[in-house]
């Protein structure tokens, strides 16, 4: 939910398993009143304190008879550990280059750098662009029995 703090008061400290916690009573414009605890913020007047009076903030409210809580929402985990797309692309390109080198060096003695790079780019595109599909290979056509000669039979 989103609202603006209209009153923020320091309300002492307490010891937790995370160390000394600073507690604040926060009243929001939408009517919610709760306690916010932090080991980082010692003073409501610090520059980066998240509940500045009059500035809208997204928060979570947990109602309780004696100790209602107000806290910041947890940030979503995107699975990439904050890496930018270009870093991900570099990782895929390195892996693709290694795979292309392995494939080509196991199949021939004379490998050209251009062949390795071309295959690596194909692998990279296949990983990074899901709309690219491998080229289908035509299936061999069955040979009619009438086309077989006696010498073509394995027995």
N, C-alpha and C. Protein backbone atom coordinates (compact mmCIF):
# COMPACT_ATOMS: atom_id res chain seq x y z
N UNK A 1 0.83 -1.18 0.00
CA UNK A 1 0.00 0.00 0.00
C UNK A 1 0.87 1.23 0.00
N UNK A 2 0.28 2.36 -0.40
CA UNK A 2 1.00 3.62 -0.45
C UNK A 2 0.27 4.66 0.37
N UNK A 3 1.05 5.49 1.07
CA UNK A 3 0.49 6.60 1.83
C UNK A 3 1.63 7.52 2.25
N UNK A 4 1.26 8.66 2.83
CA UNK A 4 2.26 9.61 3.32
C UNK A 4 2.30 9.57 4.85
N UNK A 5 3.49 9.53 5.42
CA UNK A 5 3.59 9.65 6.88
C UNK A 5 3.17 11.06 7.30
N UNK A 6 2.34 11.16 8.35
CA UNK A 6 1.95 12.49 8.85
C UNK A 6 2.57 12.75 10.23
N UNK A 7 3.07 11.71 10.89
CA UNK A 7 3.72 11.88 12.18
C UNK A 7 4.73 10.74 12.37
N UNK A 8 5.95 11.08 12.74
CA UNK A 8 7.00 10.10 13.00
C UNK A 8 7.69 10.48 14.30
N UNK A 9 7.73 9.54 15.25
CA UNK A 9 8.36 9.80 16.55
C UNK A 9 9.29 8.64 16.90
N UNK A 10 10.48 8.98 17.39
CA UNK A 10 11.38 7.95 17.91
C UNK A 10 10.78 7.36 19.17
N UNK A 11 10.93 6.03 19.35
CA UNK A 11 10.32 5.38 20.49
C UNK A 11 11.32 4.43 21.16
N UNK A 12 12.57 4.83 21.27
CA UNK A 12 13.56 4.06 22.01
C UNK A 12 14.26 3.01 21.19
N UNK A 13 14.96 2.13 21.91
CA UNK A 13 15.73 1.06 21.28
C UNK A 13 15.43 -0.26 21.97
N UNK A 14 15.81 -1.34 21.33
CA UNK A 14 15.70 -2.66 21.92
C UNK A 14 16.74 -3.57 21.28
N UNK A 15 17.14 -4.60 21.98
CA UNK A 15 18.19 -5.52 21.53
C UNK A 15 17.54 -6.72 20.83
N UNK A 16 18.04 -7.04 19.64
CA UNK A 16 17.54 -8.19 18.88
C UNK A 16 18.72 -9.08 18.49
N UNK A 17 18.43 -10.17 17.82
CA UNK A 17 19.51 -11.04 17.35
C UNK A 17 20.34 -10.36 16.26
N UNK A 18 19.82 -9.27 15.69
CA UNK A 18 20.53 -8.51 14.66
C UNK A 18 21.31 -7.34 15.26
N UNK A 19 21.24 -7.17 16.56
CA UNK A 19 21.91 -6.06 17.22
C UNK A 19 20.90 -5.05 17.75
N UNK A 20 21.38 -3.85 18.03
CA UNK A 20 20.55 -2.80 18.58
C UNK A 20 19.58 -2.28 17.51
N UNK A 21 18.30 -2.27 17.86
CA UNK A 21 17.26 -1.82 16.94
C UNK A 21 16.69 -0.49 17.43
N UNK A 22 16.46 0.42 16.49
CA UNK A 22 15.86 1.72 16.78
C UNK A 22 14.39 1.65 16.36
N UNK A 23 13.52 2.05 17.25
CA UNK A 23 12.09 1.92 17.00
C UNK A 23 11.45 3.29 16.80
N UNK A 24 10.51 3.35 15.85
CA UNK A 24 9.80 4.59 15.54
C UNK A 24 8.31 4.29 15.48
N UNK A 25 7.51 5.23 16.01
CA UNK A 25 6.06 5.17 15.86
C UNK A 25 5.72 6.01 14.64
N UNK A 26 5.00 5.41 13.70
CA UNK A 26 4.69 6.09 12.44
C UNK A 26 3.19 6.09 12.23
N UNK A 27 2.65 7.29 11.97
CA UNK A 27 1.24 7.46 11.64
C UNK A 27 1.14 7.85 10.18
N UNK A 28 0.34 7.09 9.44
CA UNK A 28 0.20 7.33 8.01
C UNK A 28 -1.09 8.09 7.71
N UNK A 29 -1.10 8.79 6.59
CA UNK A 29 -2.24 9.58 6.16
C UNK A 29 -3.49 8.72 5.96
N UNK A 30 -3.30 7.45 5.59
CA UNK A 30 -4.44 6.56 5.37
C UNK A 30 -5.03 6.00 6.67
N UNK A 31 -4.50 6.41 7.82
CA UNK A 31 -5.05 6.01 9.10
C UNK A 31 -4.29 4.90 9.82
N UNK A 32 -3.37 4.26 9.15
CA UNK A 32 -2.58 3.21 9.81
C UNK A 32 -1.56 3.83 10.76
N UNK A 33 -1.41 3.20 11.90
CA UNK A 33 -0.45 3.63 12.92
C UNK A 33 0.29 2.38 13.36
N UNK A 34 1.63 2.42 13.27
CA UNK A 34 2.39 1.23 13.63
C UNK A 34 3.82 1.55 13.99
N UNK A 35 4.54 0.52 14.39
CA UNK A 35 5.93 0.66 14.78
C UNK A 35 6.84 0.20 13.65
N UNK A 36 7.90 0.95 13.44
CA UNK A 36 8.92 0.61 12.45
C UNK A 36 10.23 0.44 13.21
N UNK A 37 10.90 -0.70 13.02
CA UNK A 37 12.17 -0.96 13.69
C UNK A 37 13.27 -1.09 12.65
N UNK A 38 14.45 -0.54 12.99
CA UNK A 38 15.57 -0.58 12.06
C UNK A 38 16.88 -0.57 12.82
N UNK A 39 17.83 -1.33 12.33
CA UNK A 39 19.18 -1.27 12.90
C UNK A 39 20.00 -0.21 12.16
N UNK A 40 19.53 0.20 10.99
CA UNK A 40 20.26 1.16 10.15
C UNK A 40 19.98 2.62 10.52
N UNK A 41 18.72 2.93 10.73
CA UNK A 41 18.32 4.33 10.94
C UNK A 41 18.22 4.63 12.43
N UNK A 42 19.07 5.54 12.91
CA UNK A 42 19.08 5.91 14.33
C UNK A 42 18.20 7.13 14.58
N UNK A 43 17.95 7.88 13.51
CA UNK A 43 17.27 9.17 13.67
C UNK A 43 16.30 9.37 12.51
N UNK A 44 15.11 9.85 12.81
CA UNK A 44 14.11 10.09 11.75
C UNK A 44 14.53 11.21 10.82
N UNK A 45 15.50 12.03 11.23
CA UNK A 45 15.94 13.15 10.41
C UNK A 45 17.12 12.81 9.49
N UNK A 46 17.59 11.55 9.52
CA UNK A 46 18.69 11.18 8.63
C UNK A 46 18.21 11.27 7.17
N UNK A 47 19.14 11.58 6.28
CA UNK A 47 18.79 11.87 4.89
C UNK A 47 18.07 10.72 4.19
N UNK A 48 18.43 9.49 4.48
CA UNK A 48 17.83 8.37 3.76
C UNK A 48 16.77 7.60 4.57
N UNK A 49 16.28 8.20 5.66
CA UNK A 49 15.21 7.57 6.43
C UNK A 49 14.00 7.40 5.51
N UNK A 50 13.40 6.20 5.44
CA UNK A 50 12.39 5.94 4.42
C UNK A 50 11.01 6.56 4.67
N UNK A 51 10.72 6.98 5.90
CA UNK A 51 9.39 7.51 6.20
C UNK A 51 9.47 9.00 6.53
N UNK A 52 9.67 9.81 5.49
CA UNK A 52 9.71 11.27 5.64
C UNK A 52 8.30 11.83 5.63
N UNK A 53 8.02 12.72 6.55
CA UNK A 53 6.68 13.32 6.64
C UNK A 53 6.33 14.02 5.33
N UNK A 54 5.12 13.69 4.81
CA UNK A 54 4.61 14.32 3.61
C UNK A 54 5.06 13.71 2.30
N UNK A 55 5.95 12.71 2.34
CA UNK A 55 6.43 12.08 1.11
C UNK A 55 5.84 10.68 1.00
N UNK A 56 5.10 10.45 -0.08
CA UNK A 56 4.43 9.16 -0.25
C UNK A 56 5.45 8.03 -0.33
N UNK A 57 5.12 6.94 0.34
CA UNK A 57 6.02 5.78 0.39
C UNK A 57 5.18 4.51 0.30
N UNK A 58 5.74 3.50 -0.33
CA UNK A 58 5.09 2.19 -0.35
C UNK A 58 5.52 1.45 0.90
N UNK A 59 4.55 0.83 1.59
CA UNK A 59 4.86 0.14 2.84
C UNK A 59 3.92 -1.03 3.04
N UNK A 60 4.29 -1.88 4.02
CA UNK A 60 3.43 -2.99 4.41
C UNK A 60 2.97 -2.75 5.84
N UNK A 61 1.72 -3.05 6.11
CA UNK A 61 1.15 -2.85 7.43
C UNK A 61 0.67 -4.19 7.97
N UNK A 62 1.08 -4.50 9.20
CA UNK A 62 0.64 -5.72 9.88
C UNK A 62 -0.12 -5.30 11.12
N UNK A 63 -1.45 -5.44 11.11
CA UNK A 63 -2.23 -5.01 12.27
C UNK A 63 -2.00 -5.95 13.48
N UNK A 64 -2.11 -5.37 14.68
CA UNK A 64 -1.97 -6.13 15.92
C UNK A 64 -2.59 -5.28 17.02
N UNK A 65 -3.18 -5.91 18.04
CA UNK A 65 -3.82 -5.16 19.12
C UNK A 65 -2.84 -4.25 19.86
N UNK A 66 -1.67 -4.79 20.20
CA UNK A 66 -0.70 -4.01 20.98
C UNK A 66 0.45 -3.46 20.15
N UNK A 67 0.93 -4.24 19.16
CA UNK A 67 2.13 -3.85 18.42
C UNK A 67 1.92 -3.95 16.91
N UNK A 68 1.13 -3.05 16.33
CA UNK A 68 1.02 -3.06 14.86
C UNK A 68 2.36 -2.67 14.25
N UNK A 69 2.67 -3.26 13.09
CA UNK A 69 3.97 -3.04 12.45
C UNK A 69 3.81 -2.35 11.10
N UNK A 70 4.75 -1.47 10.83
CA UNK A 70 4.88 -0.83 9.52
C UNK A 70 6.29 -1.13 9.05
N UNK A 71 6.41 -1.59 7.79
CA UNK A 71 7.74 -1.89 7.27
C UNK A 71 7.77 -1.65 5.77
N UNK A 72 8.97 -1.57 5.24
CA UNK A 72 9.15 -1.43 3.81
C UNK A 72 8.91 -2.77 3.14
N UNK A 73 8.35 -2.78 1.93
CA UNK A 73 8.15 -4.06 1.24
C UNK A 73 9.49 -4.64 0.82
N UNK A 74 9.56 -5.95 0.77
CA UNK A 74 10.78 -6.62 0.32
C UNK A 74 10.92 -6.44 -1.17
N UNK A 75 12.15 -6.27 -1.61
CA UNK A 75 12.40 -6.12 -3.03
C UNK A 75 12.28 -7.48 -3.70
N UNK A 76 11.74 -7.47 -4.93
CA UNK A 76 11.57 -8.71 -5.68
C UNK A 76 12.91 -9.25 -6.12
N UNK A 77 13.05 -10.55 -6.06
CA UNK A 77 14.25 -11.21 -6.53
C UNK A 77 14.03 -11.58 -7.99
N UNK A 78 14.94 -11.13 -8.88
CA UNK A 78 14.74 -11.40 -10.29
C UNK A 78 15.54 -12.57 -10.83
N UNK A 79 16.31 -13.21 -9.99
CA UNK A 79 17.02 -14.39 -10.40
C UNK A 79 18.35 -14.17 -11.07
N UNK A 80 18.67 -12.95 -11.40
CA UNK A 80 19.93 -12.71 -12.09
C UNK A 80 20.95 -12.04 -11.20
N UNK A 81 20.67 -11.92 -9.92
CA UNK A 81 21.59 -11.31 -8.96
C UNK A 81 21.99 -9.90 -9.39
N UNK A 82 21.08 -9.19 -10.05
CA UNK A 82 21.33 -7.81 -10.42
C UNK A 82 22.25 -7.64 -11.61
N UNK A 83 22.58 -8.71 -12.30
CA UNK A 83 23.47 -8.58 -13.44
C UNK A 83 22.72 -7.97 -14.61
N UNK A 84 23.40 -7.12 -15.32
CA UNK A 84 22.79 -6.49 -16.47
C UNK A 84 22.76 -7.47 -17.63
N UNK A 85 21.91 -7.18 -18.61
CA UNK A 85 21.76 -8.06 -19.76
C UNK A 85 23.07 -8.24 -20.51
N UNK A 86 23.91 -7.18 -20.60
CA UNK A 86 25.16 -7.33 -21.33
C UNK A 86 26.11 -8.29 -20.63
N UNK A 87 26.05 -8.36 -19.31
CA UNK A 87 26.87 -9.33 -18.57
C UNK A 87 26.37 -10.73 -18.86
N UNK A 88 25.06 -10.91 -18.85
CA UNK A 88 24.49 -12.22 -19.17
C UNK A 88 24.87 -12.64 -20.59
N UNK A 89 24.84 -11.69 -21.52
CA UNK A 89 25.20 -11.98 -22.90
C UNK A 89 26.66 -12.41 -22.99
N UNK A 90 27.54 -11.74 -22.26
CA UNK A 90 28.96 -12.10 -22.28
C UNK A 90 29.17 -13.51 -21.74
N UNK A 91 28.45 -13.88 -20.70
CA UNK A 91 28.56 -15.23 -20.15
C UNK A 91 28.11 -16.27 -21.18
N UNK A 92 26.99 -16.00 -21.82
CA UNK A 92 26.47 -16.93 -22.84
C UNK A 92 27.44 -17.02 -24.01
N UNK A 93 28.01 -15.89 -24.42
CA UNK A 93 28.94 -15.90 -25.55
C UNK A 93 30.19 -16.70 -25.24
N UNK A 94 30.72 -16.56 -24.01
CA UNK A 94 31.89 -17.34 -23.62
C UNK A 94 31.59 -18.83 -23.65
N UNK A 95 30.46 -19.20 -23.10
CA UNK A 95 30.07 -20.60 -23.06
C UNK A 95 29.86 -21.13 -24.48
N UNK A 96 29.23 -20.34 -25.32
CA UNK A 96 28.97 -20.76 -26.71
C UNK A 96 30.27 -20.92 -27.48
N UNK A 97 31.21 -20.03 -27.25
CA UNK A 97 32.51 -20.12 -27.92
C UNK A 97 33.23 -21.40 -27.52
N UNK A 98 33.18 -21.73 -26.25
CA UNK A 98 33.82 -22.96 -25.75
C UNK A 98 33.15 -24.19 -26.39
N UNK A 99 31.83 -24.21 -26.42
CA UNK A 99 31.11 -25.34 -27.01
C UNK A 99 31.40 -25.47 -28.50
N UNK A 100 31.43 -24.36 -29.21
CA UNK A 100 31.71 -24.39 -30.65
C UNK A 100 33.12 -24.92 -30.90
N UNK A 101 34.08 -24.49 -30.10
CA UNK A 101 35.45 -24.98 -30.23
C UNK A 101 35.51 -26.48 -29.99
N UNK A 102 34.83 -26.94 -28.95
CA UNK A 102 34.81 -28.37 -28.65
C UNK A 102 34.20 -29.18 -29.79
N UNK A 103 33.08 -28.72 -30.31
CA UNK A 103 32.39 -29.44 -31.38
C UNK A 103 33.27 -29.53 -32.62
N UNK A 104 33.84 -28.42 -33.02
CA UNK A 104 34.59 -28.40 -34.27
C UNK A 104 35.94 -29.09 -34.16
N UNK A 105 36.60 -29.00 -33.03
CA UNK A 105 37.92 -29.64 -32.92
C UNK A 105 37.80 -31.15 -32.77
N UNK A 106 36.64 -31.64 -32.36
CA UNK A 106 36.46 -33.08 -32.26
C UNK A 106 36.03 -33.68 -33.60
N UNK A 107 35.66 -32.86 -34.54
CA UNK A 107 35.17 -33.36 -35.81
C UNK A 107 36.13 -33.18 -36.98
N UNK A 108 37.16 -32.40 -36.80
CA UNK A 108 38.09 -32.17 -37.89
C UNK A 108 39.43 -31.71 -37.35
N UNK A 109 40.46 -31.93 -38.11
CA UNK A 109 41.79 -31.48 -37.70
C UNK A 109 42.06 -30.05 -38.14
N UNK A 110 41.39 -29.61 -39.18
CA UNK A 110 41.63 -28.27 -39.72
C UNK A 110 40.41 -27.39 -39.44
N UNK A 111 40.50 -26.63 -38.35
CA UNK A 111 39.40 -25.77 -37.95
C UNK A 111 39.79 -24.33 -38.22
N UNK A 112 38.88 -23.59 -38.85
CA UNK A 112 39.11 -22.17 -39.11
C UNK A 112 38.43 -21.36 -38.01
N UNK A 113 39.05 -20.26 -37.62
CA UNK A 113 38.48 -19.39 -36.58
C UNK A 113 37.09 -18.89 -36.98
N UNK A 114 36.90 -18.62 -38.25
CA UNK A 114 35.59 -18.13 -38.72
C UNK A 114 34.50 -19.17 -38.48
N UNK A 115 34.85 -20.45 -38.66
CA UNK A 115 33.86 -21.52 -38.43
C UNK A 115 33.48 -21.57 -36.95
N UNK A 116 34.47 -21.43 -36.06
CA UNK A 116 34.21 -21.46 -34.62
C UNK A 116 33.31 -20.30 -34.24
N UNK A 117 33.63 -19.10 -34.73
CA UNK A 117 32.85 -17.91 -34.38
C UNK A 117 31.43 -18.02 -34.93
N UNK A 118 31.30 -18.52 -36.15
CA UNK A 118 29.96 -18.67 -36.75
C UNK A 118 29.10 -19.62 -35.92
N UNK A 119 29.66 -20.75 -35.51
CA UNK A 119 28.91 -21.71 -34.70
C UNK A 119 28.62 -21.14 -33.31
N UNK A 120 29.58 -20.41 -32.74
CA UNK A 120 29.37 -19.80 -31.41
C UNK A 120 28.24 -18.76 -31.47
N UNK A 121 28.21 -17.96 -32.53
CA UNK A 121 27.13 -16.97 -32.69
C UNK A 121 25.78 -17.67 -32.84
N UNK A 122 25.76 -18.79 -33.54
CA UNK A 122 24.52 -19.55 -33.69
C UNK A 122 24.04 -20.04 -32.32
N UNK A 123 24.97 -20.59 -31.51
CA UNK A 123 24.63 -21.06 -30.17
C UNK A 123 24.13 -19.90 -29.30
N UNK A 124 24.82 -18.77 -29.37
CA UNK A 124 24.43 -17.60 -28.57
C UNK A 124 23.04 -17.13 -28.94
N UNK A 125 22.76 -17.02 -30.24
CA UNK A 125 21.43 -16.60 -30.68
C UNK A 125 20.36 -17.58 -30.22
N UNK A 126 20.68 -18.85 -30.28
CA UNK A 126 19.71 -19.86 -29.87
C UNK A 126 19.38 -19.73 -28.38
N UNK A 127 20.37 -19.40 -27.54
CA UNK A 127 20.14 -19.24 -26.10
C UNK A 127 19.44 -17.92 -25.80
N UNK A 128 19.91 -16.84 -26.40
CA UNK A 128 19.43 -15.50 -26.03
C UNK A 128 18.14 -15.11 -26.74
N UNK A 129 17.83 -15.72 -27.85
CA UNK A 129 16.63 -15.36 -28.60
C UNK A 129 15.77 -16.61 -28.77
N UNK A 130 14.81 -16.80 -27.86
CA UNK A 130 14.03 -18.04 -27.89
C UNK A 130 13.22 -18.25 -29.16
N UNK A 131 13.04 -17.20 -29.95
CA UNK A 131 12.26 -17.37 -31.18
C UNK A 131 13.07 -18.08 -32.27
N UNK A 132 14.39 -18.20 -32.09
CA UNK A 132 15.23 -18.89 -33.07
C UNK A 132 15.19 -20.38 -32.76
N UNK A 133 14.85 -21.15 -33.76
CA UNK A 133 14.77 -22.60 -33.59
C UNK A 133 15.80 -23.25 -34.52
N UNK A 134 16.32 -24.39 -34.11
CA UNK A 134 17.28 -25.08 -34.99
C UNK A 134 16.64 -25.38 -36.35
N UNK A 135 17.46 -25.36 -37.38
CA UNK A 135 16.96 -25.65 -38.72
C UNK A 135 16.58 -27.13 -38.81
N UNK A 136 15.37 -27.41 -39.28
CA UNK A 136 14.97 -28.82 -39.38
C UNK A 136 15.75 -29.52 -40.48
N UNK A 137 16.11 -30.76 -40.22
CA UNK A 137 16.81 -31.58 -41.22
C UNK A 137 15.77 -32.48 -41.88
N UNK A 138 15.83 -32.60 -43.19
CA UNK A 138 14.86 -33.46 -43.86
C UNK A 138 15.12 -34.92 -43.48
N UNK A 139 14.05 -35.64 -43.26
CA UNK A 139 14.18 -37.05 -42.92
C UNK A 139 14.45 -37.83 -44.21
N UNK A 140 15.26 -38.88 -44.09
CA UNK A 140 15.54 -39.66 -45.30
C UNK A 140 14.27 -40.35 -45.82
N UNK A 141 14.17 -40.40 -47.12
CA UNK A 141 13.00 -41.04 -47.73
C UNK A 141 13.22 -42.54 -47.76
N UNK A 142 12.19 -43.30 -47.39
CA UNK A 142 12.34 -44.76 -47.45
C UNK A 142 12.46 -45.24 -48.90
N UNK A 143 13.23 -46.27 -49.05
CA UNK A 143 13.43 -46.84 -50.39
C UNK A 143 12.41 -47.97 -50.57
N UNK A 144 11.74 -47.93 -51.69
CA UNK A 144 10.77 -48.98 -51.98
C UNK A 144 11.48 -50.30 -52.20
N UNK A 145 10.86 -51.38 -51.81
CA UNK A 145 11.45 -52.72 -51.95
C UNK A 145 11.75 -53.03 -53.41
N UNK A 146 10.92 -52.53 -54.31
CA UNK A 146 11.13 -52.81 -55.73
C UNK A 146 12.40 -52.14 -56.26
N UNK A 147 12.90 -51.10 -55.56
CA UNK A 147 14.11 -50.40 -56.01
C UNK A 147 15.38 -51.10 -55.55
N UNK A 148 15.28 -51.97 -54.58
CA UNK A 148 16.45 -52.67 -54.06
C UNK A 148 16.94 -53.71 -55.07
N UNK A 149 18.22 -53.82 -55.18
CA UNK A 149 18.79 -54.87 -56.02
C UNK A 149 19.27 -55.96 -55.08
N UNK A 150 19.49 -57.12 -55.65
CA UNK A 150 19.93 -58.25 -54.81
C UNK A 150 21.20 -57.94 -54.06
N UNK A 151 22.11 -57.17 -54.62
CA UNK A 151 23.39 -56.89 -53.98
C UNK A 151 23.26 -55.87 -52.84
N UNK A 152 22.14 -55.15 -52.77
CA UNK A 152 21.94 -54.16 -51.73
C UNK A 152 21.53 -54.79 -50.41
N UNK A 153 21.13 -56.02 -50.40
CA UNK A 153 20.68 -56.66 -49.16
C UNK A 153 21.89 -57.07 -48.32
N UNK A 154 21.80 -56.85 -47.01
CA UNK A 154 22.94 -57.13 -46.14
C UNK A 154 23.17 -58.62 -45.89
N UNK A 155 22.32 -59.51 -46.33
CA UNK A 155 22.53 -60.94 -46.07
C UNK A 155 22.62 -61.77 -47.31
